[in-house]
């Protein structure tokens, strides 16, 4: 608590009042939508198994198996080992907390990221056990070779960092068949728009004709301006991003294109599809589209001059 207080100067002026405001902000806010198993849920109505399923499908499969091996190897001494008992107990506590009825949970695994370093404890234990596993054929190999093989196994789990770069929030492991399998099973594709990469933003600028670009979904008032500031193409050419609910500017001129990232929880079914308009550019990972620039039809003449 002392570190929490000292590290957040905002609390210093009125500690109790602002702490109460901070805690209340977690419950007194608008509903956040979640896309899970092909259905849109309110954050407080998400099925109880959401945290466990998301935990299992977003850890690289090799690390998941090594962690299970680590827990199994400690099955008899878990209670006597304070590090393992504390790690396992905390991990279970966090997941169970988000499984309770009415507990808000959203944005994939973001709210329970602290479970991953706890799982890493058992990954390390599992890797150590595997090096010294009492299998005759394995034990006949030199210790250095066994360590190298296990180290290579662990390093191979980082393949997702390369395969999904820079859209790490879209990562799913082989339990669901990667991102294509997650798409088929009805998981979220991209919850915060990291798929709005500069090449796509540059294409939006190129097709905008100097007019504002419509962006969907827009999750907060600062979302569009933040994306614009991070994009040299948009900022240098002074092309604004409009909230997806607006279809015309103050002077009645409609945007020429729509910029879509695939947060399925907040997208109408047709958004970003061919039904919306001609797809001008798109960004894909593992064969799945994550962001698109779509041409918008010209508004009626009466609307343009209203």
C-alpha atoms as a PDB file:
ATOM      1  CA  UNK A   1       0.000   0.000   0.000  1.00  0.00           C
ATOM      2  CA  UNK A   2       2.854   2.392   0.786  1.00  0.00           C
ATOM      3  CA  UNK A   3       4.374   1.794  -2.653  1.00  0.00           C
ATOM      4  CA  UNK A   4       0.964   2.292  -4.255  1.00  0.00           C
ATOM      5  CA  UNK A   5       0.503   5.615  -2.450  1.00  0.00           C
ATOM      6  CA  UNK A   6       4.030   6.953  -2.989  1.00  0.00           C
ATOM      7  CA  UNK A   7       4.016   5.946  -6.636  1.00  0.00           C
ATOM      8  CA  UNK A   8       0.813   7.783  -7.511  1.00  0.00           C
ATOM      9  CA  UNK A   9       1.117  11.548  -6.836  1.00  0.00           C
ATOM     10  CA  UNK A  10      -2.543  12.070  -7.772  1.00  0.00           C
ATOM     11  CA  UNK A  11      -3.504  10.516  -4.418  1.00  0.00           C
ATOM     12  CA  UNK A  12      -1.374  12.835  -2.321  1.00  0.00           C
ATOM     13  CA  UNK A  13      -3.675  15.881  -2.292  1.00  0.00           C
ATOM     14  CA  UNK A  14      -6.726  14.048  -0.894  1.00  0.00           C
ATOM     15  CA  UNK A  15      -5.809  10.403  -0.244  1.00  0.00           C
ATOM     16  CA  UNK A  16      -9.092   8.974   1.058  1.00  0.00           C
ATOM     17  CA  UNK A  17     -11.373  10.937  -1.259  1.00  0.00           C
ATOM     18  CA  UNK A  18      -9.384  10.092  -4.352  1.00  0.00           C
ATOM     19  CA  UNK A  19      -8.868   6.474  -3.335  1.00  0.00           C
ATOM     20  CA  UNK A  20     -12.639   6.132  -2.963  1.00  0.00           C
ATOM     21  CA  UNK A  21     -13.100   7.760  -6.367  1.00  0.00           C
ATOM     22  CA  UNK A  22     -10.580   5.354  -7.907  1.00  0.00           C
ATOM     23  CA  UNK A  23     -12.249   2.272  -6.409  1.00  0.00           C
ATOM     24  CA  UNK A  24     -15.716   3.475  -7.384  1.00  0.00           C
ATOM     25  CA  UNK A  25     -14.625   4.059 -10.970  1.00  0.00           C
ATOM     26  CA  UNK A  26     -14.272   0.308 -11.401  1.00  0.00           C
ATOM     27  CA  UNK A  27     -17.986  -0.226 -10.802  1.00  0.00           C
ATOM     28  CA  UNK A  28     -19.642   3.061 -11.733  1.00  0.00           C
ATOM     29  CA  UNK A  29     -19.020   3.167 -15.474  1.00  0.00           C
ATOM     30  CA  UNK A  30     -20.664   2.270 -18.741  1.00  0.00           C
ATOM     31  CA  UNK A  31     -20.978  -1.356 -19.793  1.00  0.00           C
ATOM     32  CA  UNK A  32     -18.125  -2.762 -21.880  1.00  0.00           C
ATOM     33  CA  UNK A  33     -19.012  -5.349 -24.501  1.00  0.00           C
ATOM     34  CA  UNK A  34     -17.222  -8.677 -24.826  1.00  0.00           C
ATOM     35  CA  UNK A  35     -17.231 -11.021 -27.830  1.00  0.00           C
ATOM     36  CA  UNK A  36     -16.992 -14.639 -26.687  1.00  0.00           C
ATOM     37  CA  UNK A  37     -18.088 -17.922 -28.289  1.00  0.00           C
ATOM     38  CA  UNK A  38     -19.674 -16.059 -31.186  1.00  0.00           C
ATOM     39  CA  UNK A  39     -21.864 -13.851 -29.005  1.00  0.00           C
ATOM     40  CA  UNK A  40     -21.718 -10.316 -27.627  1.00  0.00           C
ATOM     41  CA  UNK A  41     -21.975 -10.135 -23.830  1.00  0.00           C
ATOM     42  CA  UNK A  42     -22.130  -7.315 -21.314  1.00  0.00           C
ATOM     43  CA  UNK A  43     -18.991  -7.352 -19.160  1.00  0.00           C
ATOM     44  CA  UNK A  44     -20.941  -8.455 -16.066  1.00  0.00           C
ATOM     45  CA  UNK A  45     -22.818 -11.217 -17.906  1.00  0.00           C
ATOM     46  CA  UNK A  46     -19.855 -13.033 -19.444  1.00  0.00           C
ATOM     47  CA  UNK A  47     -19.988 -16.820 -18.760  1.00  0.00           C
ATOM     48  CA  UNK A  48     -18.135 -17.890 -15.633  1.00  0.00           C
ATOM     49  CA  UNK A  49     -15.600 -19.945 -17.606  1.00  0.00           C
ATOM     50  CA  UNK A  50     -14.338 -16.966 -19.649  1.00  0.00           C
ATOM     51  CA  UNK A  51     -11.203 -16.287 -17.508  1.00  0.00           C
ATOM     52  CA  UNK A  52     -10.100 -19.936 -17.487  1.00  0.00           C
ATOM     53  CA  UNK A  53     -10.702 -20.457 -21.204  1.00  0.00           C
ATOM     54  CA  UNK A  54      -8.890 -17.236 -22.152  1.00  0.00           C
ATOM     55  CA  UNK A  55      -6.010 -18.180 -19.857  1.00  0.00           C
ATOM     56  CA  UNK A  56      -5.690 -21.589 -21.517  1.00  0.00           C
ATOM     57  CA  UNK A  57      -5.869 -20.382 -25.129  1.00  0.00           C
ATOM     58  CA  UNK A  58      -3.492 -17.411 -24.867  1.00  0.00           C
ATOM     59  CA  UNK A  59      -0.448 -19.125 -23.334  1.00  0.00           C
ATOM     60  CA  UNK A  60       1.852 -20.794 -25.902  1.00  0.00           C
ATOM     61  CA  UNK A  61       1.035 -24.495 -25.865  1.00  0.00           C
ATOM     62  CA  UNK A  62       4.563 -25.583 -24.932  1.00  0.00           C
ATOM     63  CA  UNK A  63       4.606 -23.268 -21.911  1.00  0.00           C
ATOM     64  CA  UNK A  64       1.153 -24.483 -20.941  1.00  0.00           C
ATOM     65  CA  UNK A  65       2.353 -28.095 -20.980  1.00  0.00           C
ATOM     66  CA  UNK A  66       5.563 -27.290 -19.109  1.00  0.00           C
ATOM     67  CA  UNK A  67       3.541 -25.481 -16.445  1.00  0.00           C
ATOM     68  CA  UNK A  68       1.242 -28.489 -16.058  1.00  0.00           C
ATOM     69  CA  UNK A  69       4.327 -30.690 -15.803  1.00  0.00           C
ATOM     70  CA  UNK A  70       5.711 -28.400 -13.105  1.00  0.00           C
ATOM     71  CA  UNK A  71       2.505 -28.618 -11.057  1.00  0.00           C
ATOM     72  CA  UNK A  72       2.418 -32.403 -11.472  1.00  0.00           C
ATOM     73  CA  UNK A  73       6.048 -32.710 -10.343  1.00  0.00           C
ATOM     74  CA  UNK A  74       5.196 -30.766  -7.164  1.00  0.00           C
ATOM     75  CA  UNK A  75       1.966 -32.628  -6.425  1.00  0.00           C
ATOM     76  CA  UNK A  76       3.328 -34.214  -3.231  1.00  0.00           C
ATOM     77  CA  UNK A  77       5.383 -31.298  -1.896  1.00  0.00           C
ATOM     78  CA  UNK A  78       3.211 -28.367  -2.988  1.00  0.00           C
ATOM     79  CA  UNK A  79       1.977 -27.583   0.515  1.00  0.00           C
ATOM     80  CA  UNK A  80       5.495 -27.627   1.937  1.00  0.00           C
ATOM     81  CA  UNK A  81       6.964 -25.349  -0.724  1.00  0.00           C
ATOM     82  CA  UNK A  82       5.969 -21.772   0.096  1.00  0.00           C
ATOM     83  CA  UNK A  83       6.918 -20.424  -3.348  1.00  0.00           C
ATOM     84  CA  UNK A  84       4.868 -22.994  -5.224  1.00  0.00           C
ATOM     85  CA  UNK A  85       1.959 -22.898  -2.787  1.00  0.00           C
ATOM     86  CA  UNK A  86       1.853 -19.110  -2.861  1.00  0.00           C
ATOM     87  CA  UNK A  87       2.070 -18.965  -6.658  1.00  0.00           C
ATOM     88  CA  UNK A  88      -0.605 -21.608  -7.172  1.00  0.00           C
ATOM     89  CA  UNK A  89      -2.892 -20.136  -4.528  1.00  0.00           C
ATOM     90  CA  UNK A  90      -2.617 -16.608  -5.900  1.00  0.00           C
ATOM     91  CA  UNK A  91      -3.194 -17.778  -9.467  1.00  0.00           C
ATOM     92  CA  UNK A  92      -6.322 -19.686  -8.498  1.00  0.00           C
ATOM     93  CA  UNK A  93      -7.558 -16.789  -6.361  1.00  0.00           C
ATOM     94  CA  UNK A  94      -7.252 -14.305  -9.236  1.00  0.00           C
ATOM     95  CA  UNK A  95      -9.020 -16.541 -11.741  1.00  0.00           C
ATOM     96  CA  UNK A  96     -11.802 -17.446  -9.299  1.00  0.00           C
ATOM     97  CA  UNK A  97     -12.328 -13.759  -8.480  1.00  0.00           C
ATOM     98  CA  UNK A  98     -13.108 -13.030 -12.126  1.00  0.00           C
ATOM     99  CA  UNK A  99     -15.325 -16.114 -12.347  1.00  0.00           C
ATOM    100  CA  UNK A 100     -17.696 -14.865  -9.641  1.00  0.00           C
ATOM    101  CA  UNK A 101     -21.202 -13.876 -10.793  1.00  0.00           C
ATOM    102  CA  UNK A 102     -21.407 -10.187 -11.675  1.00  0.00           C
ATOM    103  CA  UNK A 103     -17.639  -9.641 -11.752  1.00  0.00           C
ATOM    104  CA  UNK A 104     -16.845  -7.420 -14.758  1.00  0.00           C
ATOM    105  CA  UNK A 105     -14.328  -8.991 -17.115  1.00  0.00           C
ATOM    106  CA  UNK A 106     -13.393  -7.813 -20.606  1.00  0.00           C
ATOM    107  CA  UNK A 107     -10.526  -7.205 -23.052  1.00  0.00           C
ATOM    108  CA  UNK A 108      -9.258 -10.759 -23.196  1.00  0.00           C
ATOM    109  CA  UNK A 109      -6.770 -11.491 -20.427  1.00  0.00           C
ATOM    110  CA  UNK A 110      -5.893  -7.864 -19.675  1.00  0.00           C
ATOM    111  CA  UNK A 111      -7.518  -7.781 -16.233  1.00  0.00           C
ATOM    112  CA  UNK A 112      -5.730 -10.897 -15.009  1.00  0.00           C
ATOM    113  CA  UNK A 113      -2.319 -10.512 -16.617  1.00  0.00           C
ATOM    114  CA  UNK A 114      -0.741 -11.105 -13.212  1.00  0.00           C
ATOM    115  CA  UNK A 115      -1.517 -14.815 -13.602  1.00  0.00           C
ATOM    116  CA  UNK A 116       1.119 -15.231 -16.310  1.00  0.00           C
ATOM    117  CA  UNK A 117       4.245 -14.628 -14.185  1.00  0.00           C
ATOM    118  CA  UNK A 118       2.698 -16.939 -11.590  1.00  0.00           C
ATOM    119  CA  UNK A 119       2.327 -19.619 -14.244  1.00  0.00           C
ATOM    120  CA  UNK A 120       5.920 -18.955 -15.341  1.00  0.00           C
ATOM    121  CA  UNK A 121       7.068 -20.232 -11.927  1.00  0.00           C
ATOM    122  CA  UNK A 122       5.665 -23.657 -12.800  1.00  0.00           C
ATOM    123  CA  UNK A 123       6.987 -23.460 -16.357  1.00  0.00           C
ATOM    124  CA  UNK A 124      10.483 -23.138 -14.899  1.00  0.00           C
ATOM    125  CA  UNK A 125       9.885 -26.005 -12.487  1.00  0.00           C
ATOM    126  CA  UNK A 126       8.517 -28.145 -15.307  1.00  0.00           C
ATOM    127  CA  UNK A 127      11.510 -27.370 -17.524  1.00  0.00           C
ATOM    128  CA  UNK A 128      13.914 -28.328 -14.725  1.00  0.00           C
ATOM    129  CA  UNK A 129      12.029 -31.571 -14.094  1.00  0.00           C
ATOM    130  CA  UNK A 130      12.097 -32.399 -17.802  1.00  0.00           C
ATOM    131  CA  UNK A 131      15.884 -31.975 -17.962  1.00  0.00           C
ATOM    132  CA  UNK A 132      16.290 -34.500 -15.158  1.00  0.00           C
ATOM    133  CA  UNK A 133      13.360 -36.772 -16.067  1.00  0.00           C
ATOM    134  CA  UNK A 134      14.033 -40.384 -15.056  1.00  0.00           C
ATOM    135  CA  UNK A 135      13.613 -41.898 -18.507  1.00  0.00           C
ATOM    136  CA  UNK A 136      16.495 -44.291 -19.341  1.00  0.00           C
ATOM    137  CA  UNK A 137      16.874 -43.234 -22.986  1.00  0.00           C
ATOM    138  CA  UNK A 138      16.763 -39.565 -21.977  1.00  0.00           C
ATOM    139  CA  UNK A 139      19.136 -39.963 -19.039  1.00  0.00           C
ATOM    140  CA  UNK A 140      21.792 -41.540 -21.243  1.00  0.00           C
ATOM    141  CA  UNK A 141      22.126 -38.227 -23.065  1.00  0.00           C
ATOM    142  CA  UNK A 142      24.666 -35.688 -21.866  1.00  0.00           C
ATOM    143  CA  UNK A 143      23.283 -33.128 -19.409  1.00  0.00           C
ATOM    144  CA  UNK A 144      24.300 -30.278 -21.693  1.00  0.00           C
ATOM    145  CA  UNK A 145      22.365 -31.810 -24.590  1.00  0.00           C
ATOM    146  CA  UNK A 146      19.257 -32.289 -22.452  1.00  0.00           C
ATOM    147  CA  UNK A 147      19.434 -28.692 -21.262  1.00  0.00           C
ATOM    148  CA  UNK A 148      19.884 -27.476 -24.845  1.00  0.00           C
ATOM    149  CA  UNK A 149      16.847 -29.447 -26.057  1.00  0.00           C
ATOM    150  CA  UNK A 150      14.610 -28.083 -23.292  1.00  0.00           C
ATOM    151  CA  UNK A 151      15.959 -24.559 -23.818  1.00  0.00           C
ATOM    152  CA  UNK A 152      15.174 -24.874 -27.526  1.00  0.00           C
ATOM    153  CA  UNK A 153      11.653 -26.037 -26.669  1.00  0.00           C
ATOM    154  CA  UNK A 154      11.123 -22.982 -24.469  1.00  0.00           C
ATOM    155  CA  UNK A 155      12.625 -20.618 -27.040  1.00  0.00           C
ATOM    156  CA  UNK A 156      10.374 -22.033 -29.762  1.00  0.00           C
ATOM    157  CA  UNK A 157       7.349 -20.790 -27.835  1.00  0.00           C
ATOM    158  CA  UNK A 158       8.406 -17.278 -28.778  1.00  0.00           C
ATOM    159  CA  UNK A 159       7.480 -17.965 -32.402  1.00  0.00           C
ATOM    160  CA  UNK A 160       4.217 -16.124 -31.794  1.00  0.00           C
ATOM    161  CA  UNK A 161       6.163 -12.916 -31.185  1.00  0.00           C
ATOM    162  CA  UNK A 162       7.359 -13.103 -34.770  1.00  0.00           C
ATOM    163  CA  UNK A 163       4.220 -14.524 -36.358  1.00  0.00           C
ATOM    164  CA  UNK A 164       1.851 -11.983 -34.791  1.00  0.00           C
ATOM    165  CA  UNK A 165       4.101  -8.897 -34.748  1.00  0.00           C
ATOM    166  CA  UNK A 166       2.941  -6.222 -34.070  1.00  0.00           C
ATOM    167  CA  UNK A 167      -0.580  -7.486 -33.273  1.00  0.00           C
ATOM    168  CA  UNK A 168       0.231  -9.389 -30.102  1.00  0.00           C
ATOM    169  CA  UNK A 169      -3.269  -8.905 -28.669  1.00  0.00           C
ATOM    170  CA  UNK A 170      -4.593 -11.170 -31.438  1.00  0.00           C
ATOM    171  CA  UNK A 171      -2.495 -14.163 -30.327  1.00  0.00           C
ATOM    172  CA  UNK A 172      -4.179 -17.528 -29.751  1.00  0.00           C
ATOM    173  CA  UNK A 173      -2.358 -20.804 -29.220  1.00  0.00           C
ATOM    174  CA  UNK A 174      -2.613 -24.155 -30.984  1.00  0.00           C
ATOM    175  CA  UNK A 175      -5.350 -25.428 -28.652  1.00  0.00           C
ATOM    176  CA  UNK A 176      -7.818 -23.469 -30.776  1.00  0.00           C
ATOM    177  CA  UNK A 177      -5.826 -23.604 -34.002  1.00  0.00           C
ATOM    178  CA  UNK A 178      -4.222 -20.186 -33.724  1.00  0.00           C
ATOM    179  CA  UNK A 179      -5.965 -17.058 -34.942  1.00  0.00           C
ATOM    180  CA  UNK A 180      -7.904 -18.801 -37.755  1.00  0.00           C
ATOM    181  CA  UNK A 181      -9.296 -21.313 -35.274  1.00  0.00           C
ATOM    182  CA  UNK A 182     -10.163 -18.556 -32.824  1.00  0.00           C
ATOM    183  CA  UNK A 183     -12.076 -16.769 -35.579  1.00  0.00           C
ATOM    184  CA  UNK A 184     -14.095 -19.900 -36.355  1.00  0.00           C
ATOM    185  CA  UNK A 185     -14.831 -20.561 -32.679  1.00  0.00           C
ATOM    186  CA  UNK A 186     -16.066 -17.020 -32.088  1.00  0.00           C
ATOM    187  CA  UNK A 187     -13.296 -15.348 -30.093  1.00  0.00           C
ATOM    188  CA  UNK A 188     -12.390 -11.667 -30.218  1.00  0.00           C
ATOM    189  CA  UNK A 189      -9.892 -10.773 -32.933  1.00  0.00           C
ATOM    190  CA  UNK A 190      -8.521  -7.420 -31.831  1.00  0.00           C
ATOM    191  CA  UNK A 191      -9.810  -5.591 -28.770  1.00  0.00           C
ATOM    192  CA  UNK A 192      -7.854  -2.317 -28.765  1.00  0.00           C
ATOM    193  CA  UNK A 193      -6.876  -1.583 -32.355  1.00  0.00           C
ATOM    194  CA  UNK A 194      -3.202  -2.509 -32.419  1.00  0.00           C
ATOM    195  CA  UNK A 195      -3.957  -3.755 -35.949  1.00  0.00           C
ATOM    196  CA  UNK A 196      -4.265  -0.125 -37.074  1.00  0.00           C
ATOM    197  CA  UNK A 197      -0.703  -0.282 -38.323  1.00  0.00           C
ATOM    198  CA  UNK A 198       0.924   2.552 -40.248  1.00  0.00           C
ATOM    199  CA  UNK A 199       0.553   0.964 -43.728  1.00  0.00           C
ATOM    200  CA  UNK A 200      -3.226   0.750 -43.219  1.00  0.00           C
ATOM    201  CA  UNK A 201      -3.390   4.294 -41.833  1.00  0.00           C
ATOM    202  CA  UNK A 202      -1.353   5.506 -44.804  1.00  0.00           C
ATOM    203  CA  UNK A 203      -3.823   3.810 -47.162  1.00  0.00           C
ATOM    204  CA  UNK A 204      -6.703   5.494 -45.345  1.00  0.00           C
ATOM    205  CA  UNK A 205      -4.986   8.845 -45.816  1.00  0.00           C
ATOM    206  CA  UNK A 206      -4.330   8.129 -49.507  1.00  0.00           C
ATOM    207  CA  UNK A 207      -7.972   7.300 -50.202  1.00  0.00           C
ATOM    208  CA  UNK A 208      -9.405  10.059 -48.006  1.00  0.00           C
ATOM    209  CA  UNK A 209      -9.065  12.825 -50.563  1.00  0.00           C
ATOM    210  CA  UNK A 210      -8.060  15.128 -47.736  1.00  0.00           C
ATOM    211  CA  UNK A 211     -11.369  14.569 -45.939  1.00  0.00           C
ATOM    212  CA  UNK A 212     -11.755  13.068 -42.459  1.00  0.00           C
ATOM    213  CA  UNK A 213     -11.708   9.279 -42.226  1.00  0.00           C
ATOM    214  CA  UNK A 214     -14.432   7.392 -40.396  1.00  0.00           C
ATOM    215  CA  UNK A 215     -13.058   5.013 -37.722  1.00  0.00           C
ATOM    216  CA  UNK A 216     -14.940   2.065 -36.210  1.00  0.00           C
ATOM    217  CA  UNK A 217     -15.185   1.211 -33.463  1.00  0.00           C
ATOM    218  CA  UNK A 218     -14.193   4.275 -31.477  1.00  0.00           C
ATOM    219  CA  UNK A 219     -14.016   3.287 -27.811  1.00  0.00           C
ATOM    220  CA  UNK A 220     -13.340   6.637 -26.150  1.00  0.00           C
ATOM    221  CA  UNK A 221     -13.147  10.348 -27.047  1.00  0.00           C
ATOM    222  CA  UNK A 222      -9.345  10.168 -27.053  1.00  0.00           C
ATOM    223  CA  UNK A 223      -9.135   7.029 -29.194  1.00  0.00           C
ATOM    224  CA  UNK A 224      -9.296   8.612 -32.649  1.00  0.00           C
ATOM    225  CA  UNK A 225      -7.020  11.570 -31.807  1.00  0.00           C
ATOM    226  CA  UNK A 226      -4.539   9.175 -30.209  1.00  0.00           C
ATOM    227  CA  UNK A 227      -4.368   7.009 -33.329  1.00  0.00           C
ATOM    228  CA  UNK A 228      -4.009  10.099 -35.511  1.00  0.00           C
ATOM    229  CA  UNK A 229      -1.120  11.479 -33.442  1.00  0.00           C
ATOM    230  CA  UNK A 230       0.707   8.153 -33.663  1.00  0.00           C
ATOM    231  CA  UNK A 231       0.451   8.064 -37.461  1.00  0.00           C
ATOM    232  CA  UNK A 232       2.906  10.140 -39.509  1.00  0.00           C
ATOM    233  CA  UNK A 233       0.709   9.732 -42.594  1.00  0.00           C
ATOM    234  CA  UNK A 234      -2.433  11.119 -40.932  1.00  0.00           C
ATOM    235  CA  UNK A 235      -0.695  13.769 -38.840  1.00  0.00           C
ATOM    236  CA  UNK A 236       1.528  15.107 -41.621  1.00  0.00           C
ATOM    237  CA  UNK A 237      -1.398  15.434 -44.030  1.00  0.00           C
ATOM    238  CA  UNK A 238      -3.772  16.709 -41.326  1.00  0.00           C
ATOM    239  CA  UNK A 239      -6.368  14.025 -41.944  1.00  0.00           C
ATOM    240  CA  UNK A 240      -8.688  13.605 -38.952  1.00  0.00           C
ATOM    241  CA  UNK A 241     -10.358  10.439 -37.703  1.00  0.00           C
ATOM    242  CA  UNK A 242     -14.097  10.714 -37.083  1.00  0.00           C
ATOM    243  CA  UNK A 243     -16.122   8.635 -34.667  1.00  0.00           C
ATOM    244  CA  UNK A 244     -17.816   5.773 -36.480  1.00  0.00           C
ATOM    245  CA  UNK A 245     -21.287   6.974 -35.488  1.00  0.00           C
ATOM    246  CA  UNK A 246     -20.851  10.171 -37.556  1.00  0.00           C
ATOM    247  CA  UNK A 247     -21.349  10.053 -41.296  1.00  0.00           C
ATOM    248  CA  UNK A 248     -20.737  13.673 -42.202  1.00  0.00           C
ATOM    249  CA  UNK A 249     -18.624  16.600 -41.057  1.00  0.00           C
ATOM    250  CA  UNK A 250     -19.885  19.923 -39.781  1.00  0.00           C
ATOM    251  CA  UNK A 251     -20.081  21.240 -43.365  1.00  0.00           C
ATOM    252  CA  UNK A 252     -22.139  18.241 -44.455  1.00  0.00           C
ATOM    253  CA  UNK A 253     -19.337  16.596 -46.427  1.00  0.00           C
ATOM    254  CA  UNK A 254     -19.237  12.846 -45.892  1.00  0.00           C
ATOM    255  CA  UNK A 255     -15.980  10.898 -45.514  1.00  0.00           C
ATOM    256  CA  UNK A 256     -14.785   8.854 -48.447  1.00  0.00           C
ATOM    257  CA  UNK A 257     -13.537   5.849 -46.529  1.00  0.00           C
ATOM    258  CA  UNK A 258     -14.043   3.838 -43.373  1.00  0.00           C
ATOM    259  CA  UNK A 259     -11.170   2.595 -41.212  1.00  0.00           C
ATOM    260  CA  UNK A 260     -12.158  -0.593 -39.375  1.00  0.00           C
ATOM    261  CA  UNK A 261     -10.308  -2.719 -36.843  1.00  0.00           C
ATOM    262  CA  UNK A 262     -11.894  -5.988 -35.919  1.00  0.00           C
ATOM    263  CA  UNK A 263     -13.182  -5.603 -32.393  1.00  0.00           C
ATOM    264  CA  UNK A 264     -16.192  -7.813 -32.973  1.00  0.00           C
ATOM    265  CA  UNK A 265     -17.861  -6.865 -29.702  1.00  0.00           C
ATOM    266  CA  UNK A 266     -18.580  -3.343 -30.957  1.00  0.00           C
ATOM    267  CA  UNK A 267     -18.908  -3.776 -34.708  1.00  0.00           C
ATOM    268  CA  UNK A 268     -22.191  -4.213 -36.585  1.00  0.00           C
ATOM    269  CA  UNK A 269     -22.108  -7.515 -38.509  1.00  0.00           C
ATOM    270  CA  UNK A 270     -21.630  -5.800 -41.886  1.00  0.00           C
ATOM    271  CA  UNK A 271     -18.941  -3.315 -40.834  1.00  0.00           C
ATOM    272  CA  UNK A 272     -15.732  -3.833 -42.751  1.00  0.00           C
ATOM    273  CA  UNK A 273     -17.382  -6.362 -45.063  1.00  0.00           C
ATOM    274  CA  UNK A 274     -18.098  -6.087 -48.765  1.00  0.00           C
ATOM    275  CA  UNK A 275     -21.654  -5.075 -47.836  1.00  0.00           C
ATOM    276  CA  UNK A 276     -20.321  -1.829 -46.377  1.00  0.00           C
ATOM    277  CA  UNK A 277     -18.353  -0.936 -49.501  1.00  0.00           C
ATOM    278  CA  UNK A 278     -15.379  -1.924 -51.626  1.00  0.00           C
ATOM    279  CA  UNK A 279     -12.381  -3.035 -49.562  1.00  0.00           C
ATOM    280  CA  UNK A 280      -9.486  -0.763 -50.553  1.00  0.00           C
ATOM    281  CA  UNK A 281      -6.796  -2.205 -48.288  1.00  0.00           C
ATOM    282  CA  UNK A 282      -6.551  -4.666 -45.433  1.00  0.00           C
ATOM    283  CA  UNK A 283      -4.092  -5.994 -42.879  1.00  0.00           C
ATOM    284  CA  UNK A 284      -4.013  -9.727 -42.174  1.00  0.00           C
ATOM    285  CA  UNK A 285      -2.358 -12.115 -39.764  1.00  0.00           C
ATOM    286  CA  UNK A 286      -2.483 -15.892 -40.215  1.00  0.00           C
ATOM    287  CA  UNK A 287      -4.910 -15.342 -43.093  1.00  0.00           C
ATOM    288  CA  UNK A 288      -7.419 -13.458 -40.901  1.00  0.00           C
ATOM    289  CA  UNK A 289      -8.174  -9.803 -41.572  1.00  0.00           C
ATOM    290  CA  UNK A 290      -7.681  -7.529 -38.565  1.00  0.00           C
ATOM    291  CA  UNK A 291      -8.085  -4.069 -40.070  1.00  0.00           C
ATOM    292  CA  UNK A 292      -9.437  -2.646 -43.302  1.00  0.00           C
ATOM    293  CA  UNK A 293      -9.970   0.503 -45.289  1.00  0.00           C
ATOM    294  CA  UNK A 294     -13.394   0.418 -46.934  1.00  0.00           C
ATOM    295  CA  UNK A 295     -14.705   2.784 -49.585  1.00  0.00           C
ATOM    296  CA  UNK A 296     -17.917   4.524 -48.548  1.00  0.00           C
ATOM    297  CA  UNK A 297     -20.691   5.289 -51.020  1.00  0.00           C
ATOM    298  CA  UNK A 298     -21.291   8.904 -51.931  1.00  0.00           C
ATOM    299  CA  UNK A 299     -24.074  10.408 -49.788  1.00  0.00           C
ATOM    300  CA  UNK A 300     -27.216  11.617 -51.579  1.00  0.00           C
ATOM    301  CA  UNK A 301     -26.959  15.107 -53.078  1.00  0.00           C
ATOM    302  CA  UNK A 302     -29.623  16.445 -50.732  1.00  0.00           C
ATOM    303  CA  UNK A 303     -27.592  15.220 -47.736  1.00  0.00           C
ATOM    304  CA  UNK A 304     -24.343  16.742 -49.000  1.00  0.00           C
ATOM    305  CA  UNK A 305     -25.859  20.202 -49.413  1.00  0.00           C
ATOM    306  CA  UNK A 306     -28.110  20.198 -46.378  1.00  0.00           C
END
